[in-house]
Amino acid sequence: MQCDHCGERPAAIHLTQIVNNSVTTLHLCEACAAEKGVQTGASVAKFPLSDFLASMGKGAAGALPATTDDTPCGFCGATLKDFRDAGRLGCPHCYASFERHLRDLLRRLHGSSQHVGEVYLPPEAAAAVSGAPAGRGHLGELRDQLRRAVEAENFELAAELRDQIRVLDDH
């Protein structure tokens, strides 16, 4: 496939943009992609999360509000400014320390500010925890996860959980 811009070199970069439910795909060679300011390959991985967020556009630049609150994390001493500069939190306790500042950012990036996930338990352990026959404890956990996914408006996960519940109900 040739580059859509120059038509001379093979396309190495394939950009897909969705605007107002309209999909546009652009196939570019590396030279044309560089001319247009598209970062490729290893150069993308070198930039921290803060640069990625700034490049996301109107919502991301203001996603992490500028604040004069330089209160450090009680565990590692990292500040919110450190997160903005490095794109990384200092430790797991930073999530609790900076929770009010990170809530909107996480909601924009993940669709929810609360993690809804699964924990694997072998069938024997699930039965021991629930006191029910194997599979019934798992079914209860799936229903609980479904409820949390719907509350968090994570409908893709909710659909997957619904399907898993249907399979278990049929058995």
N, C-alpha and C. Protein backbone atom coordinates (compact mmCIF):
# COMPACT_ATOMS: atom_id res chain seq x y z
N MET A 1 0.85 -1.17 0.00
CA MET A 1 0.00 0.00 0.00
C MET A 1 0.90 1.23 0.00
N GLN A 2 0.62 2.18 -0.87
CA GLN A 2 1.42 3.39 -1.01
C GLN A 2 0.92 4.48 -0.06
N CYS A 3 1.78 5.43 0.21
CA CYS A 3 1.47 6.56 1.07
C CYS A 3 0.37 7.40 0.41
N ASP A 4 -0.66 7.77 1.18
CA ASP A 4 -1.76 8.60 0.66
C ASP A 4 -1.31 10.02 0.39
N HIS A 5 -0.23 10.47 1.04
CA HIS A 5 0.21 11.86 0.89
C HIS A 5 1.13 12.05 -0.32
N CYS A 6 2.21 11.27 -0.37
CA CYS A 6 3.18 11.44 -1.46
C CYS A 6 2.97 10.45 -2.60
N GLY A 7 2.42 9.29 -2.32
CA GLY A 7 2.18 8.28 -3.34
C GLY A 7 3.43 7.59 -3.84
N GLU A 8 4.59 7.88 -3.22
CA GLU A 8 5.85 7.33 -3.70
C GLU A 8 6.37 6.17 -2.85
N ARG A 9 6.27 6.29 -1.55
CA ARG A 9 6.84 5.30 -0.64
C ARG A 9 5.74 4.42 -0.05
N PRO A 10 6.13 3.23 0.42
CA PRO A 10 5.12 2.36 1.06
C PRO A 10 4.64 2.95 2.38
N ALA A 11 3.37 2.80 2.65
CA ALA A 11 2.77 3.31 3.88
C ALA A 11 3.22 2.44 5.06
N ALA A 12 3.69 3.08 6.10
CA ALA A 12 4.12 2.37 7.30
C ALA A 12 3.28 2.76 8.50
N ILE A 13 2.61 3.89 8.40
CA ILE A 13 1.79 4.41 9.50
C ILE A 13 0.35 4.46 9.02
N HIS A 14 -0.55 3.89 9.83
CA HIS A 14 -1.97 3.86 9.47
C HIS A 14 -2.75 4.55 10.58
N LEU A 15 -3.25 5.75 10.28
CA LEU A 15 -3.98 6.54 11.27
C LEU A 15 -5.47 6.42 11.01
N THR A 16 -6.23 6.18 12.08
CA THR A 16 -7.69 6.14 11.98
C THR A 16 -8.23 7.20 12.91
N GLN A 17 -9.05 8.09 12.35
CA GLN A 17 -9.64 9.16 13.14
C GLN A 17 -11.15 9.05 13.04
N ILE A 18 -11.82 9.18 14.18
CA ILE A 18 -13.27 9.13 14.22
C ILE A 18 -13.78 10.47 14.72
N VAL A 19 -14.52 11.18 13.89
CA VAL A 19 -15.09 12.47 14.25
C VAL A 19 -16.56 12.44 13.89
N ASN A 20 -17.42 12.64 14.88
CA ASN A 20 -18.88 12.64 14.67
C ASN A 20 -19.34 11.38 13.93
N ASN A 21 -18.89 10.23 14.39
CA ASN A 21 -19.24 8.93 13.82
C ASN A 21 -18.79 8.76 12.37
N SER A 22 -17.87 9.59 11.91
CA SER A 22 -17.31 9.46 10.57
C SER A 22 -15.86 8.99 10.70
N VAL A 23 -15.54 7.85 10.08
CA VAL A 23 -14.22 7.25 10.19
C VAL A 23 -13.36 7.66 8.99
N THR A 24 -12.17 8.19 9.28
CA THR A 24 -11.22 8.56 8.24
C THR A 24 -9.93 7.80 8.50
N THR A 25 -9.42 7.09 7.50
CA THR A 25 -8.17 6.36 7.64
C THR A 25 -7.15 6.95 6.70
N LEU A 26 -5.95 7.20 7.22
CA LEU A 26 -4.88 7.79 6.45
C LEU A 26 -3.67 6.86 6.51
N HIS A 27 -3.11 6.54 5.37
CA HIS A 27 -1.96 5.65 5.28
C HIS A 27 -0.76 6.50 4.86
N LEU A 28 0.26 6.59 5.72
CA LEU A 28 1.40 7.47 5.47
C LEU A 28 2.71 6.72 5.54
N CYS A 29 3.69 7.18 4.76
CA CYS A 29 5.05 6.67 4.90
C CYS A 29 5.66 7.39 6.10
N GLU A 30 6.79 6.93 6.57
CA GLU A 30 7.39 7.51 7.77
C GLU A 30 7.77 8.97 7.55
N ALA A 31 8.26 9.32 6.35
CA ALA A 31 8.67 10.70 6.07
C ALA A 31 7.47 11.64 6.11
N CYS A 32 6.38 11.27 5.48
CA CYS A 32 5.18 12.12 5.47
C CYS A 32 4.56 12.20 6.86
N ALA A 33 4.61 11.10 7.60
CA ALA A 33 4.08 11.11 8.96
C ALA A 33 4.89 12.08 9.82
N ALA A 34 6.22 12.09 9.64
CA ALA A 34 7.07 13.01 10.40
C ALA A 34 6.76 14.45 10.01
N GLU A 35 6.52 14.72 8.71
CA GLU A 35 6.16 16.06 8.25
C GLU A 35 4.88 16.54 8.91
N LYS A 36 3.94 15.64 9.11
CA LYS A 36 2.65 15.99 9.71
C LYS A 36 2.71 16.01 11.23
N GLY A 37 3.87 15.68 11.79
CA GLY A 37 4.03 15.72 13.24
C GLY A 37 3.60 14.47 13.96
N VAL A 38 3.41 13.38 13.22
CA VAL A 38 3.02 12.12 13.85
C VAL A 38 4.28 11.45 14.39
N GLN A 39 4.26 11.11 15.68
CA GLN A 39 5.40 10.45 16.29
C GLN A 39 5.27 8.96 16.07
N THR A 40 6.38 8.33 15.71
CA THR A 40 6.32 6.91 15.40
C THR A 40 7.32 6.12 16.22
N GLY A 41 7.09 4.83 16.27
CA GLY A 41 8.04 3.88 16.84
C GLY A 41 8.44 4.17 18.26
N ALA A 42 9.74 4.08 18.53
CA ALA A 42 10.26 4.20 19.89
C ALA A 42 10.10 5.59 20.45
N SER A 43 10.00 6.62 19.60
CA SER A 43 9.87 7.97 20.12
C SER A 43 8.59 8.14 20.92
N VAL A 44 7.55 7.41 20.58
CA VAL A 44 6.29 7.50 21.31
C VAL A 44 6.46 6.97 22.71
N ALA A 45 7.20 5.88 22.87
CA ALA A 45 7.35 5.25 24.17
C ALA A 45 8.20 6.08 25.13
N LYS A 46 9.01 7.03 24.61
CA LYS A 46 9.88 7.81 25.46
C LYS A 46 9.13 8.90 26.23
N PHE A 47 7.95 9.28 25.77
CA PHE A 47 7.22 10.37 26.39
C PHE A 47 6.41 9.86 27.57
N PRO A 48 6.44 10.59 28.69
CA PRO A 48 5.68 10.15 29.85
C PRO A 48 4.19 10.39 29.67
N LEU A 49 3.42 9.86 30.59
CA LEU A 49 1.98 9.97 30.55
C LEU A 49 1.53 11.42 30.48
N SER A 50 2.23 12.32 31.15
CA SER A 50 1.82 13.72 31.14
C SER A 50 1.84 14.30 29.73
N ASP A 51 2.84 13.93 28.91
CA ASP A 51 2.87 14.39 27.53
C ASP A 51 1.73 13.79 26.73
N PHE A 52 1.45 12.51 26.97
CA PHE A 52 0.33 11.86 26.29
C PHE A 52 -0.98 12.58 26.61
N LEU A 53 -1.18 12.88 27.88
CA LEU A 53 -2.41 13.56 28.29
C LEU A 53 -2.51 14.93 27.65
N ALA A 54 -1.40 15.65 27.59
CA ALA A 54 -1.42 16.98 26.98
C ALA A 54 -1.73 16.90 25.50
N SER A 55 -1.33 15.80 24.84
CA SER A 55 -1.56 15.67 23.41
C SER A 55 -2.98 15.22 23.08
N MET A 56 -3.75 14.82 24.10
CA MET A 56 -5.10 14.31 23.83
C MET A 56 -6.08 15.40 23.45
N GLY A 57 -5.75 16.65 23.69
CA GLY A 57 -6.64 17.70 23.24
C GLY A 57 -7.30 18.45 24.37
N LYS A 58 -8.45 19.03 24.06
CA LYS A 58 -9.10 19.99 24.94
C LYS A 58 -9.36 19.46 26.34
N GLY A 59 -9.86 18.25 26.48
CA GLY A 59 -10.21 17.75 27.80
C GLY A 59 -9.01 17.32 28.61
N ALA A 60 -7.97 16.84 27.97
CA ALA A 60 -6.86 16.26 28.70
C ALA A 60 -5.95 17.31 29.31
N ALA A 61 -5.78 18.44 28.63
CA ALA A 61 -4.89 19.45 29.17
C ALA A 61 -5.40 19.94 30.52
N GLY A 62 -6.70 20.01 30.66
CA GLY A 62 -7.27 20.45 31.92
C GLY A 62 -7.73 19.30 32.78
N ALA A 63 -7.40 18.09 32.39
CA ALA A 63 -7.88 16.92 33.14
C ALA A 63 -7.31 16.89 34.54
N LEU A 64 -6.06 17.30 34.69
CA LEU A 64 -5.45 17.34 36.00
C LEU A 64 -5.31 18.80 36.36
N PRO A 65 -6.17 19.33 37.22
CA PRO A 65 -6.23 20.76 37.47
C PRO A 65 -4.93 21.29 38.07
N ALA A 66 -4.58 22.51 37.64
CA ALA A 66 -3.44 23.17 38.25
C ALA A 66 -3.84 23.50 39.69
N THR A 67 -2.95 23.22 40.60
CA THR A 67 -3.29 23.42 42.00
C THR A 67 -2.07 23.90 42.75
N THR A 68 -2.30 24.62 43.81
CA THR A 68 -1.20 25.05 44.66
C THR A 68 -1.03 24.08 45.82
N ASP A 69 -1.81 23.03 45.83
CA ASP A 69 -1.74 22.02 46.89
C ASP A 69 -0.51 21.14 46.65
N ASP A 70 0.58 21.46 47.35
CA ASP A 70 1.81 20.68 47.21
C ASP A 70 1.97 19.69 48.35
N THR A 71 0.85 19.25 48.92
CA THR A 71 0.90 18.28 49.99
C THR A 71 1.47 16.97 49.46
N PRO A 72 2.54 16.48 50.05
CA PRO A 72 3.13 15.23 49.55
C PRO A 72 2.36 14.01 50.02
N CYS A 73 2.57 12.92 49.31
CA CYS A 73 2.02 11.63 49.73
C CYS A 73 2.65 11.28 51.08
N GLY A 74 1.84 10.85 52.02
CA GLY A 74 2.32 10.51 53.35
C GLY A 74 3.25 9.32 53.37
N PHE A 75 3.23 8.50 52.32
CA PHE A 75 4.04 7.29 52.32
C PHE A 75 5.38 7.49 51.60
N CYS A 76 5.33 8.04 50.37
CA CYS A 76 6.56 8.15 49.57
C CYS A 76 7.07 9.58 49.42
N GLY A 77 6.23 10.57 49.75
CA GLY A 77 6.67 11.96 49.65
C GLY A 77 6.48 12.60 48.29
N ALA A 78 5.95 11.86 47.32
CA ALA A 78 5.72 12.41 45.99
C ALA A 78 4.61 13.45 46.04
N THR A 79 4.68 14.43 45.14
CA THR A 79 3.65 15.46 45.08
C THR A 79 2.89 15.35 43.76
N LEU A 80 1.80 16.08 43.67
CA LEU A 80 1.01 16.10 42.44
C LEU A 80 1.84 16.69 41.29
N LYS A 81 2.72 17.64 41.61
CA LYS A 81 3.61 18.22 40.60
C LYS A 81 4.54 17.14 40.04
N ASP A 82 5.01 16.25 40.89
CA ASP A 82 5.87 15.14 40.44
C ASP A 82 5.11 14.28 39.43
N PHE A 83 3.81 14.03 39.71
CA PHE A 83 3.00 13.23 38.78
C PHE A 83 2.85 13.94 37.45
N ARG A 84 2.61 15.25 37.49
CA ARG A 84 2.47 16.01 36.24
C ARG A 84 3.75 15.96 35.43
N ASP A 85 4.90 16.07 36.10
CA ASP A 85 6.18 16.08 35.40
C ASP A 85 6.58 14.72 34.86
N ALA A 86 6.42 13.68 35.67
CA ALA A 86 6.91 12.35 35.29
C ALA A 86 5.83 11.48 34.66
N GLY A 87 4.56 11.77 34.93
CA GLY A 87 3.50 10.93 34.40
C GLY A 87 3.32 9.66 35.20
N ARG A 88 3.94 9.60 36.38
CA ARG A 88 3.84 8.41 37.23
C ARG A 88 3.62 8.83 38.67
N LEU A 89 2.83 8.04 39.37
CA LEU A 89 2.67 8.25 40.79
C LEU A 89 3.83 7.57 41.51
N GLY A 90 4.13 8.03 42.72
CA GLY A 90 5.28 7.49 43.45
C GLY A 90 5.06 6.12 44.02
N CYS A 91 3.81 5.83 44.46
CA CYS A 91 3.53 4.55 45.09
C CYS A 91 2.01 4.31 45.06
N PRO A 92 1.56 3.14 45.43
CA PRO A 92 0.11 2.87 45.45
C PRO A 92 -0.66 3.78 46.40
N HIS A 93 0.00 4.29 47.44
CA HIS A 93 -0.68 5.15 48.40
C HIS A 93 -0.97 6.53 47.81
N CYS A 94 -0.29 6.90 46.73
CA CYS A 94 -0.53 8.18 46.07
C CYS A 94 -1.97 8.27 45.55
N TYR A 95 -2.54 7.14 45.14
CA TYR A 95 -3.92 7.17 44.66
C TYR A 95 -4.86 7.69 45.74
N ALA A 96 -4.64 7.28 46.97
CA ALA A 96 -5.48 7.76 48.06
C ALA A 96 -5.13 9.20 48.42
N SER A 97 -3.85 9.53 48.42
CA SER A 97 -3.42 10.88 48.79
C SER A 97 -3.93 11.93 47.81
N PHE A 98 -3.93 11.61 46.52
CA PHE A 98 -4.33 12.57 45.50
C PHE A 98 -5.67 12.23 44.87
N GLU A 99 -6.47 11.46 45.58
CA GLU A 99 -7.72 10.92 45.04
C GLU A 99 -8.63 11.99 44.44
N ARG A 100 -8.79 13.10 45.12
CA ARG A 100 -9.72 14.11 44.60
C ARG A 100 -9.18 14.75 43.32
N HIS A 101 -7.88 14.81 43.16
CA HIS A 101 -7.30 15.38 41.94
C HIS A 101 -7.31 14.38 40.79
N LEU A 102 -7.20 13.09 41.10
CA LEU A 102 -7.10 12.07 40.07
C LEU A 102 -8.45 11.54 39.58
N ARG A 103 -9.51 11.77 40.34
CA ARG A 103 -10.82 11.20 40.03
C ARG A 103 -11.29 11.53 38.61
N ASP A 104 -11.26 12.81 38.23
CA ASP A 104 -11.71 13.20 36.90
C ASP A 104 -10.79 12.67 35.80
N LEU A 105 -9.49 12.68 36.08
CA LEU A 105 -8.53 12.15 35.11
C LEU A 105 -8.80 10.67 34.84
N LEU A 106 -8.99 9.89 35.89
CA LEU A 106 -9.25 8.45 35.72
C LEU A 106 -10.57 8.21 35.01
N ARG A 107 -11.57 9.03 35.31
CA ARG A 107 -12.86 8.88 34.65
C ARG A 107 -12.73 9.12 33.14
N ARG A 108 -11.93 10.11 32.77
CA ARG A 108 -11.74 10.40 31.33
C ARG A 108 -10.95 9.30 30.63
N LEU A 109 -9.94 8.77 31.29
CA LEU A 109 -9.09 7.76 30.66
C LEU A 109 -9.72 6.38 30.64
N HIS A 110 -10.40 6.02 31.74
CA HIS A 110 -10.90 4.66 31.88
C HIS A 110 -12.41 4.54 31.80
N GLY A 111 -13.11 5.67 31.76
CA GLY A 111 -14.56 5.61 31.72
C GLY A 111 -15.18 5.46 33.10
N SER A 112 -14.36 5.32 34.11
CA SER A 112 -14.85 5.19 35.48
C SER A 112 -13.71 5.55 36.41
N SER A 113 -14.04 6.10 37.55
CA SER A 113 -12.99 6.41 38.51
C SER A 113 -12.82 5.28 39.52
N GLN A 114 -13.57 4.20 39.34
CA GLN A 114 -13.49 3.05 40.23
C GLN A 114 -13.18 1.80 39.42
N HIS A 115 -12.18 1.04 39.85
CA HIS A 115 -11.81 -0.17 39.13
C HIS A 115 -12.84 -1.26 39.40
N VAL A 116 -13.33 -1.85 38.32
CA VAL A 116 -14.24 -2.99 38.43
C VAL A 116 -13.58 -4.13 37.68
N GLY A 117 -13.12 -5.11 38.40
CA GLY A 117 -12.40 -6.19 37.75
C GLY A 117 -12.74 -7.52 38.37
N GLU A 118 -11.99 -8.52 37.99
CA GLU A 118 -12.24 -9.87 38.47
C GLU A 118 -11.04 -10.38 39.23
N VAL A 119 -11.28 -11.19 40.20
CA VAL A 119 -10.23 -11.87 40.93
C VAL A 119 -10.43 -13.36 40.71
N TYR A 120 -9.37 -14.02 40.26
CA TYR A 120 -9.49 -15.45 39.98
C TYR A 120 -9.44 -16.24 41.28
N LEU A 121 -10.40 -17.08 41.47
CA LEU A 121 -10.39 -18.05 42.56
C LEU A 121 -10.64 -19.42 41.95
N PRO A 122 -9.81 -20.40 42.26
CA PRO A 122 -10.08 -21.74 41.76
C PRO A 122 -11.46 -22.20 42.26
N PRO A 123 -12.13 -23.09 41.54
CA PRO A 123 -13.48 -23.52 41.94
C PRO A 123 -13.55 -23.99 43.40
N GLU A 124 -12.51 -24.69 43.86
CA GLU A 124 -12.54 -25.18 45.24
C GLU A 124 -12.51 -24.02 46.23
N ALA A 125 -11.68 -23.01 45.95
CA ALA A 125 -11.58 -21.86 46.85
C ALA A 125 -12.86 -21.04 46.81
N ALA A 126 -13.46 -20.90 45.63
CA ALA A 126 -14.71 -20.14 45.51
C ALA A 126 -15.81 -20.82 46.32
N ALA A 127 -15.86 -22.14 46.29
CA ALA A 127 -16.87 -22.87 47.05
C ALA A 127 -16.62 -22.72 48.55
N ALA A 128 -15.35 -22.73 48.95
CA ALA A 128 -15.02 -22.60 50.37
C ALA A 128 -15.38 -21.21 50.88
N VAL A 129 -15.14 -20.20 50.06
CA VAL A 129 -15.44 -18.82 50.46
C VAL A 129 -16.93 -18.62 50.56
N SER A 130 -17.69 -19.12 49.60
CA SER A 130 -19.13 -18.86 49.59
C SER A 130 -19.92 -19.87 50.40
N GLY A 131 -19.34 -21.03 50.66
CA GLY A 131 -20.06 -22.08 51.37
C GLY A 131 -21.06 -22.78 50.47
N ALA A 132 -21.00 -22.51 49.19
CA ALA A 132 -21.94 -23.09 48.23
C ALA A 132 -21.20 -24.09 47.37
N PRO A 133 -21.93 -24.91 46.63
CA PRO A 133 -21.26 -25.82 45.70
C PRO A 133 -20.42 -25.04 44.70
N ALA A 134 -19.38 -25.70 44.16
CA ALA A 134 -18.50 -25.04 43.21
C ALA A 134 -19.31 -24.43 42.08
N GLY A 135 -18.99 -23.20 41.72
CA GLY A 135 -19.68 -22.51 40.63
C GLY A 135 -20.74 -21.55 41.15
N ARG A 136 -21.40 -21.86 42.24
CA ARG A 136 -22.45 -20.97 42.77
C ARG A 136 -21.84 -19.72 43.40
N GLY A 137 -20.70 -19.86 44.08
CA GLY A 137 -20.02 -18.69 44.64
C GLY A 137 -19.54 -17.77 43.54
N HIS A 138 -19.05 -18.38 42.47
CA HIS A 138 -18.59 -17.62 41.32
C HIS A 138 -19.76 -16.87 40.69
N LEU A 139 -20.90 -17.50 40.61
CA LEU A 139 -22.09 -16.87 40.04
C LEU A 139 -22.49 -15.65 40.86
N GLY A 140 -22.46 -15.77 42.17
CA GLY A 140 -22.78 -14.63 43.04
C GLY A 140 -21.79 -13.49 42.86
N GLU A 141 -20.52 -13.84 42.73
CA GLU A 141 -19.49 -12.83 42.51
C GLU A 141 -19.70 -12.15 41.16
N LEU A 142 -20.03 -12.92 40.13
CA LEU A 142 -20.29 -12.33 38.82
C LEU A 142 -21.47 -11.36 38.87
N ARG A 143 -22.52 -11.75 39.60
CA ARG A 143 -23.69 -10.86 39.71
C ARG A 143 -23.32 -9.57 40.44
N ASP A 144 -22.47 -9.69 41.45
CA ASP A 144 -22.03 -8.51 42.17
C ASP A 144 -21.19 -7.61 41.28
N GLN A 145 -20.30 -8.22 40.49
CA GLN A 145 -19.49 -7.46 39.55
C GLN A 145 -20.36 -6.80 38.49
N LEU A 146 -21.40 -7.49 38.04
CA LEU A 146 -22.33 -6.92 37.06
C LEU A 146 -23.01 -5.68 37.64
N ARG A 147 -23.45 -5.79 38.87
CA ARG A 147 -24.10 -4.64 39.52
C ARG A 147 -23.14 -3.45 39.60
N ARG A 148 -21.88 -3.72 40.00
CA ARG A 148 -20.89 -2.63 40.10
C ARG A 148 -20.56 -2.06 38.73
N ALA A 149 -20.49 -2.89 37.70
CA ALA A 149 -20.20 -2.41 36.35
C ALA A 149 -21.31 -1.51 35.85
N VAL A 150 -22.56 -1.87 36.11
CA VAL A 150 -23.68 -1.04 35.67
C VAL A 150 -23.67 0.28 36.44
N GLU A 151 -23.40 0.23 37.74
CA GLU A 151 -23.33 1.46 38.53
C GLU A 151 -22.24 2.39 38.02
N ALA A 152 -21.12 1.81 37.58
CA ALA A 152 -20.00 2.60 37.06
C ALA A 152 -20.18 2.95 35.58
N GLU A 153 -21.30 2.52 35.00
CA GLU A 153 -21.62 2.76 33.59
C GLU A 153 -20.56 2.16 32.67
N ASN A 154 -20.00 1.03 33.06
CA ASN A 154 -19.04 0.30 32.23
C ASN A 154 -19.84 -0.81 31.53
N PHE A 155 -20.53 -0.43 30.46
CA PHE A 155 -21.50 -1.32 29.85
C PHE A 155 -20.86 -2.46 29.05
N GLU A 156 -19.65 -2.25 28.55
CA GLU A 156 -18.98 -3.35 27.84
C GLU A 156 -18.67 -4.49 28.81
N LEU A 157 -18.13 -4.15 29.97
CA LEU A 157 -17.85 -5.17 30.98
C LEU A 157 -19.16 -5.79 31.45
N ALA A 158 -20.19 -4.96 31.62
CA ALA A 158 -21.49 -5.47 32.08
C ALA A 158 -22.04 -6.50 31.09
N ALA A 159 -21.88 -6.25 29.80
CA ALA A 159 -22.38 -7.20 28.80
C ALA A 159 -21.62 -8.52 28.87
N GLU A 160 -20.29 -8.44 29.06
CA GLU A 160 -19.50 -9.67 29.18
C GLU A 160 -19.92 -10.47 30.42
N LEU A 161 -20.10 -9.76 31.53
CA LEU A 161 -20.51 -10.42 32.77
C LEU A 161 -21.89 -11.04 32.62
N ARG A 162 -22.81 -10.33 31.97
CA ARG A 162 -24.16 -10.86 31.73
C ARG A 162 -24.09 -12.17 30.97
N ASP A 163 -23.25 -12.21 29.93
CA ASP A 163 -23.11 -13.42 29.13
C ASP A 163 -22.53 -14.57 29.95
N GLN A 164 -21.55 -14.27 30.81
CA GLN A 164 -20.97 -15.31 31.67
C GLN A 164 -22.01 -15.86 32.64
N ILE A 165 -22.84 -14.96 33.17
CA ILE A 165 -23.89 -15.37 34.10
C ILE A 165 -24.89 -16.26 33.40
N ARG A 166 -25.26 -15.93 32.17
CA ARG A 166 -26.21 -16.75 31.40
C ARG A 166 -25.66 -18.15 31.18
N VAL A 167 -24.39 -18.25 30.88
CA VAL A 167 -23.77 -19.56 30.66
C VAL A 167 -23.83 -20.40 31.94
N LEU A 168 -23.49 -19.78 33.07
CA LEU A 168 -23.53 -20.50 34.35
C LEU A 168 -24.95 -20.86 34.77
N ASP A 169 -25.91 -19.99 34.48
CA ASP A 169 -27.31 -20.27 34.82
C ASP A 169 -27.86 -21.45 34.03
N ASP A 170 -27.37 -21.62 32.81
CA ASP A 170 -27.84 -22.71 31.96
C ASP A 170 -27.32 -24.07 32.43
N HIS A 171 -26.26 -24.07 33.22
CA HIS A 171 -25.67 -25.35 33.67
C HIS A 171 -26.24 -25.80 34.94
